Amino acid sequence: MAAAHGYSELRDEVESALRWGVDAYRVECLRPVGTHPDLEDASHQPPFYEEHGERQVAAGYYTRVLRRRQHLVPLRDALREHVDRCERCQER
């Protein structure tokens, strides 16, 4: 919580997220879900979060934009690989 509160660039986002209180963040659960269009979409239209990020960078709030191909797809792929590895270990 100290790190979140100390990150001035994310002050508004942290305050918004904490409207449910800190207990809402005490347990993290990852569950399988279907595909998400923002990560699977092969179209050339950028997702909302990239467009919003571009506006935030232009306004001087951030220094760079999170990009689907550069940032989120590699994370998705790494999580899938980790889950696959864990499932193979449990089968033994």
C-alpha atoms as a PDB file:
ATOM      1  CA  MET A   1       0.000   0.000   0.000  1.00  0.00           C
ATOM      2  CA  ALA A   2       2.872   2.346   0.726  1.00  0.00           C
ATOM      3  CA  ALA A   3       4.241   1.810  -2.783  1.00  0.00           C
ATOM      4  CA  ALA A   4       0.823   2.434  -4.342  1.00  0.00           C
ATOM      5  CA  HIS A   5       0.309   5.620  -2.358  1.00  0.00           C
ATOM      6  CA  GLY A   6       3.861   6.744  -3.099  1.00  0.00           C
ATOM      7  CA  TYR A   7       3.385   6.494  -6.865  1.00  0.00           C
ATOM      8  CA  SER A   8       2.151  10.015  -7.561  1.00  0.00           C
ATOM      9  CA  GLU A   9       1.579   9.354 -11.269  1.00  0.00           C
ATOM     10  CA  LEU A  10      -1.101   6.807 -10.366  1.00  0.00           C
ATOM     11  CA  ARG A  11      -2.656   8.739  -7.483  1.00  0.00           C
ATOM     12  CA  ASP A  12      -6.099   9.028  -9.105  1.00  0.00           C
ATOM     13  CA  GLU A  13      -6.150   5.380 -10.171  1.00  0.00           C
ATOM     14  CA  VAL A  14      -5.095   4.201  -6.691  1.00  0.00           C
ATOM     15  CA  GLU A  15      -7.748   6.317  -4.991  1.00  0.00           C
ATOM     16  CA  SER A  16     -10.374   5.026  -7.409  1.00  0.00           C
ATOM     17  CA  ALA A  17      -9.354   1.403  -6.862  1.00  0.00           C
ATOM     18  CA  LEU A  18      -9.450   1.789  -3.084  1.00  0.00           C
ATOM     19  CA  ARG A  19     -13.082   2.860  -3.067  1.00  0.00           C
ATOM     20  CA  TRP A  20     -13.827  -0.795  -2.165  1.00  0.00           C
ATOM     21  CA  GLY A  21     -11.282  -0.715   0.669  1.00  0.00           C
ATOM     22  CA  VAL A  22      -7.979  -2.520   1.077  1.00  0.00           C
ATOM     23  CA  ASP A  23      -9.598  -5.828   2.008  1.00  0.00           C
ATOM     24  CA  ALA A  24     -10.748  -6.212  -1.602  1.00  0.00           C
ATOM     25  CA  TYR A  25      -7.083  -6.734  -2.535  1.00  0.00           C
ATOM     26  CA  ARG A  26      -5.976  -9.177   0.159  1.00  0.00           C
ATOM     27  CA  VAL A  27      -6.465 -12.305  -1.964  1.00  0.00           C
ATOM     28  CA  GLU A  28      -5.657 -12.636  -5.646  1.00  0.00           C
ATOM     29  CA  CYS A  29      -7.208 -15.441  -7.651  1.00  0.00           C
ATOM     30  CA  LEU A  30      -6.451 -16.313 -11.252  1.00  0.00           C
ATOM     31  CA  ARG A  31      -9.152 -18.290 -13.004  1.00  0.00           C
ATOM     32  CA  PRO A  32      -9.327 -19.587 -16.554  1.00  0.00           C
ATOM     33  CA  VAL A  33     -11.457 -17.469 -18.847  1.00  0.00           C
ATOM     34  CA  GLY A  34     -12.267 -17.438 -22.511  1.00  0.00           C
ATOM     35  CA  THR A  35     -10.306 -15.358 -24.938  1.00  0.00           C
ATOM     36  CA  HIS A  36     -10.515 -11.612 -24.603  1.00  0.00           C
ATOM     37  CA  PRO A  37     -11.019  -9.617 -27.801  1.00  0.00           C
ATOM     38  CA  ASP A  38      -8.418  -7.006 -26.836  1.00  0.00           C
ATOM     39  CA  LEU A  39      -5.705  -9.691 -26.831  1.00  0.00           C
ATOM     40  CA  GLU A  40      -6.934 -11.830 -29.704  1.00  0.00           C
ATOM     41  CA  ASP A  41      -8.037  -9.130 -32.137  1.00  0.00           C
ATOM     42  CA  ALA A  42      -5.848  -9.173 -35.232  1.00  0.00           C
ATOM     43  CA  SER A  43      -7.383  -5.984 -36.621  1.00  0.00           C
ATOM     44  CA  HIS A  44      -5.320  -2.852 -36.953  1.00  0.00           C
ATOM     45  CA  GLN A  45      -7.651  -0.775 -34.800  1.00  0.00           C
ATOM     46  CA  PRO A  46      -6.007  -0.037 -31.441  1.00  0.00           C
ATOM     47  CA  PRO A  47      -7.903  -1.083 -28.319  1.00  0.00           C
ATOM     48  CA  PHE A  48      -9.405   1.561 -26.045  1.00  0.00           C
ATOM     49  CA  TYR A  49      -6.617   1.362 -23.460  1.00  0.00           C
ATOM     50  CA  GLU A  50      -4.006   2.239 -26.115  1.00  0.00           C
ATOM     51  CA  GLU A  51      -6.003   5.242 -27.295  1.00  0.00           C
ATOM     52  CA  HIS A  52      -6.553   6.350 -23.699  1.00  0.00           C
ATOM     53  CA  GLY A  53      -2.853   5.842 -22.968  1.00  0.00           C
ATOM     54  CA  GLU A  54      -1.916   7.978 -25.951  1.00  0.00           C
ATOM     55  CA  ARG A  55      -4.083  10.788 -24.591  1.00  0.00           C
ATOM     56  CA  GLN A  56      -2.507  10.416 -21.148  1.00  0.00           C
ATOM     57  CA  VAL A  57       1.010  10.545 -22.623  1.00  0.00           C
ATOM     58  CA  ALA A  58       0.091  13.607 -24.709  1.00  0.00           C
ATOM     59  CA  ALA A  59      -1.254  15.285 -21.558  1.00  0.00           C
ATOM     60  CA  GLY A  60       2.017  14.561 -19.758  1.00  0.00           C
ATOM     61  CA  TYR A  61       0.639  12.058 -17.216  1.00  0.00           C
ATOM     62  CA  TYR A  62       2.721   9.123 -18.489  1.00  0.00           C
ATOM     63  CA  THR A  63       5.891   8.687 -20.494  1.00  0.00           C
ATOM     64  CA  ARG A  64       4.775   5.717 -22.616  1.00  0.00           C
ATOM     65  CA  VAL A  65       1.723   3.781 -23.726  1.00  0.00           C
ATOM     66  CA  LEU A  66       1.022   0.155 -22.853  1.00  0.00           C
ATOM     67  CA  ARG A  67       0.667  -1.675 -26.157  1.00  0.00           C
ATOM     68  CA  ARG A  68      -1.162  -4.905 -26.895  1.00  0.00           C
ATOM     69  CA  ARG A  69       1.558  -6.492 -29.027  1.00  0.00           C
ATOM     70  CA  GLN A  70       4.538  -5.154 -27.102  1.00  0.00           C
ATOM     71  CA  HIS A  71       3.327  -5.570 -23.513  1.00  0.00           C
ATOM     72  CA  LEU A  72       0.102  -7.552 -23.062  1.00  0.00           C
ATOM     73  CA  VAL A  73       0.445 -10.360 -25.596  1.00  0.00           C
ATOM     74  CA  PRO A  74       3.856 -11.441 -24.200  1.00  0.00           C
ATOM     75  CA  LEU A  75       2.374 -11.399 -20.686  1.00  0.00           C
ATOM     76  CA  ARG A  76      -0.607 -13.480 -21.854  1.00  0.00           C
ATOM     77  CA  ASP A  77       1.717 -15.957 -23.553  1.00  0.00           C
ATOM     78  CA  ALA A  78       3.963 -16.245 -20.476  1.00  0.00           C
ATOM     79  CA  LEU A  79       0.954 -16.891 -18.230  1.00  0.00           C
ATOM     80  CA  ARG A  80      -0.367 -19.556 -20.621  1.00  0.00           C
ATOM     81  CA  GLU A  81       3.045 -21.221 -20.701  1.00  0.00           C
ATOM     82  CA  HIS A  82       3.234 -21.176 -16.906  1.00  0.00           C
ATOM     83  CA  VAL A  83      -0.237 -22.717 -16.570  1.00  0.00           C
ATOM     84  CA  ASP A  84       0.590 -25.383 -19.148  1.00  0.00           C
ATOM     85  CA  ARG A  85       3.816 -26.220 -17.285  1.00  0.00           C
ATOM     86  CA  CYS A  86       1.956 -26.471 -13.962  1.00  0.00           C
ATOM     87  CA  GLU A  87      -0.728 -28.695 -15.458  1.00  0.00           C
ATOM     88  CA  ARG A  88       1.940 -31.007 -16.922  1.00  0.00           C
ATOM     89  CA  CYS A  89       3.636 -31.207 -13.500  1.00  0.00           C
ATOM     90  CA  GLN A  90       0.351 -32.110 -11.809  1.00  0.00           C
ATOM     91  CA  GLU A  91      -0.265 -34.923 -14.325  1.00  0.00           C
ATOM     92  CA  ARG A  92       2.903 -36.736 -13.270  1.00  0.00           C
END
